[in-house]
Amino acid sequence: AVSAYDEVTHCYERTGPRNLWFVLVATPERVREILDQLEARTGSRFLEHRTTARFKLNAVFDPEGGGPTR
């Protein structure tokens, strides 16, 4: 149900009582709309944790397989 939304960029199942973690990239209004829909559909309550800091990682791959390029 969660991964059906285009706004979901990551979705992970984990062990423990809070076992589904996912990332929504949307306006606050759209995030609330999606969470409300998911709660109605699944009967589960979802906790919302908003982003406080963003990080951009730069992954560099060597297509020839020769190891690190830096």
C-alpha atoms as a PDB file:
ATOM      1  CA  ALA A   1       0.000   0.000   0.000  1.00  0.00           C
ATOM      2  CA  VAL A   2       2.794   2.442   0.876  1.00  0.00           C
ATOM      3  CA  SER A   3       4.941   1.846  -2.193  1.00  0.00           C
ATOM      4  CA  ALA A   4       1.951   2.488  -4.476  1.00  0.00           C
ATOM      5  CA  TYR A   5       2.412   6.251  -3.988  1.00  0.00           C
ATOM      6  CA  ASP A   6       4.738   8.079  -6.386  1.00  0.00           C
ATOM      7  CA  GLU A   7       5.835  10.319  -3.506  1.00  0.00           C
ATOM      8  CA  VAL A   8       7.438   7.369  -1.654  1.00  0.00           C
ATOM      9  CA  THR A   9      11.186   7.285  -2.333  1.00  0.00           C
ATOM     10  CA  HIS A  10      12.286   4.687   0.237  1.00  0.00           C
ATOM     11  CA  CYS A  11      10.330   1.963   2.064  1.00  0.00           C
ATOM     12  CA  TYR A  12      11.959  -0.499   4.455  1.00  0.00           C
ATOM     13  CA  GLU A  13      10.530  -3.304   6.591  1.00  0.00           C
ATOM     14  CA  ARG A  14      12.346  -3.723   9.894  1.00  0.00           C
ATOM     15  CA  THR A  15      12.006  -5.814  13.013  1.00  0.00           C
ATOM     16  CA  GLY A  16      10.356  -4.497  16.159  1.00  0.00           C
ATOM     17  CA  PRO A  17       7.095  -2.725  16.983  1.00  0.00           C
ATOM     18  CA  ARG A  18       7.690   0.139  14.523  1.00  0.00           C
ATOM     19  CA  ASN A  19       8.644  -2.047  11.608  1.00  0.00           C
ATOM     20  CA  LEU A  20       7.885  -0.017   8.472  1.00  0.00           C
ATOM     21  CA  TRP A  21       9.957   3.043   7.632  1.00  0.00           C
ATOM     22  CA  PHE A  22       9.351   5.096   4.506  1.00  0.00           C
ATOM     23  CA  VAL A  23      10.180   8.501   3.051  1.00  0.00           C
ATOM     24  CA  LEU A  24       7.604  10.759   1.411  1.00  0.00           C
ATOM     25  CA  VAL A  25       8.722  13.695  -0.709  1.00  0.00           C
ATOM     26  CA  ALA A  26       5.723  16.020  -0.888  1.00  0.00           C
ATOM     27  CA  THR A  27       4.211  19.180   0.523  1.00  0.00           C
ATOM     28  CA  PRO A  28       3.118  18.964   4.167  1.00  0.00           C
ATOM     29  CA  GLU A  29      -0.512  18.944   3.014  1.00  0.00           C
ATOM     30  CA  ARG A  30       0.090  16.051   0.615  1.00  0.00           C
ATOM     31  CA  VAL A  31       2.037  14.098   3.239  1.00  0.00           C
ATOM     32  CA  ARG A  32      -0.920  14.418   5.626  1.00  0.00           C
ATOM     33  CA  GLU A  33      -3.334  13.369   2.866  1.00  0.00           C
ATOM     34  CA  ILE A  34      -1.287  10.251   2.088  1.00  0.00           C
ATOM     35  CA  LEU A  35      -0.920   9.319   5.760  1.00  0.00           C
ATOM     36  CA  ASP A  36      -4.671   9.755   6.298  1.00  0.00           C
ATOM     37  CA  GLN A  37      -5.372   7.503   3.300  1.00  0.00           C
ATOM     38  CA  LEU A  38      -2.930   4.852   4.509  1.00  0.00           C
ATOM     39  CA  GLU A  39      -4.371   4.928   8.022  1.00  0.00           C
ATOM     40  CA  ALA A  40      -7.912   4.502   6.659  1.00  0.00           C
ATOM     41  CA  ARG A  41      -6.828   1.700   4.342  1.00  0.00           C
ATOM     42  CA  THR A  42      -4.656  -0.259   6.777  1.00  0.00           C
ATOM     43  CA  GLY A  43      -6.125   0.540  10.196  1.00  0.00           C
ATOM     44  CA  SER A  44      -2.597   1.390  11.343  1.00  0.00           C
ATOM     45  CA  ARG A  45      -1.369   4.653  12.816  1.00  0.00           C
ATOM     46  CA  PHE A  46       1.653   6.269  11.174  1.00  0.00           C
ATOM     47  CA  LEU A  47       4.098   8.532  12.986  1.00  0.00           C
ATOM     48  CA  GLU A  48       5.371  11.544  11.057  1.00  0.00           C
ATOM     49  CA  HIS A  49       8.941  12.713  11.521  1.00  0.00           C
ATOM     50  CA  ARG A  50       9.772  15.730   9.391  1.00  0.00           C
ATOM     51  CA  THR A  51      13.171  16.407   7.885  1.00  0.00           C
ATOM     52  CA  THR A  52      15.367  18.719   9.945  1.00  0.00           C
ATOM     53  CA  ALA A  53      18.499  18.518   7.783  1.00  0.00           C
ATOM     54  CA  ARG A  54      19.190  17.315   4.254  1.00  0.00           C
ATOM     55  CA  PHE A  55      22.299  15.603   3.005  1.00  0.00           C
ATOM     56  CA  LYS A  56      23.302  15.049  -0.601  1.00  0.00           C
ATOM     57  CA  LEU A  57      25.717  12.192  -1.192  1.00  0.00           C
ATOM     58  CA  ASN A  58      27.806  11.917  -4.330  1.00  0.00           C
ATOM     59  CA  ALA A  59      28.405   8.304  -5.324  1.00  0.00           C
ATOM     60  CA  VAL A  60      31.175   7.730  -7.872  1.00  0.00           C
ATOM     61  CA  PHE A  61      31.438   4.374  -9.646  1.00  0.00           C
ATOM     62  CA  ASP A  62      34.190   3.067 -11.881  1.00  0.00           C
ATOM     63  CA  PRO A  63      32.450   1.403 -14.844  1.00  0.00           C
ATOM     64  CA  GLU A  64      35.660  -0.506 -15.664  1.00  0.00           C
ATOM     65  CA  GLY A  65      35.762  -2.085 -12.197  1.00  0.00           C
ATOM     66  CA  GLY A  66      39.282  -0.870 -11.456  1.00  0.00           C
ATOM     67  CA  GLY A  67      38.534   0.409  -7.962  1.00  0.00           C
ATOM     68  CA  PRO A  68      38.152   3.904  -6.504  1.00  0.00           C
ATOM     69  CA  THR A  69      38.521   6.813  -8.900  1.00  0.00           C
ATOM     70  CA  ARG A  70      39.593   9.299  -6.233  1.00  0.00           C
END
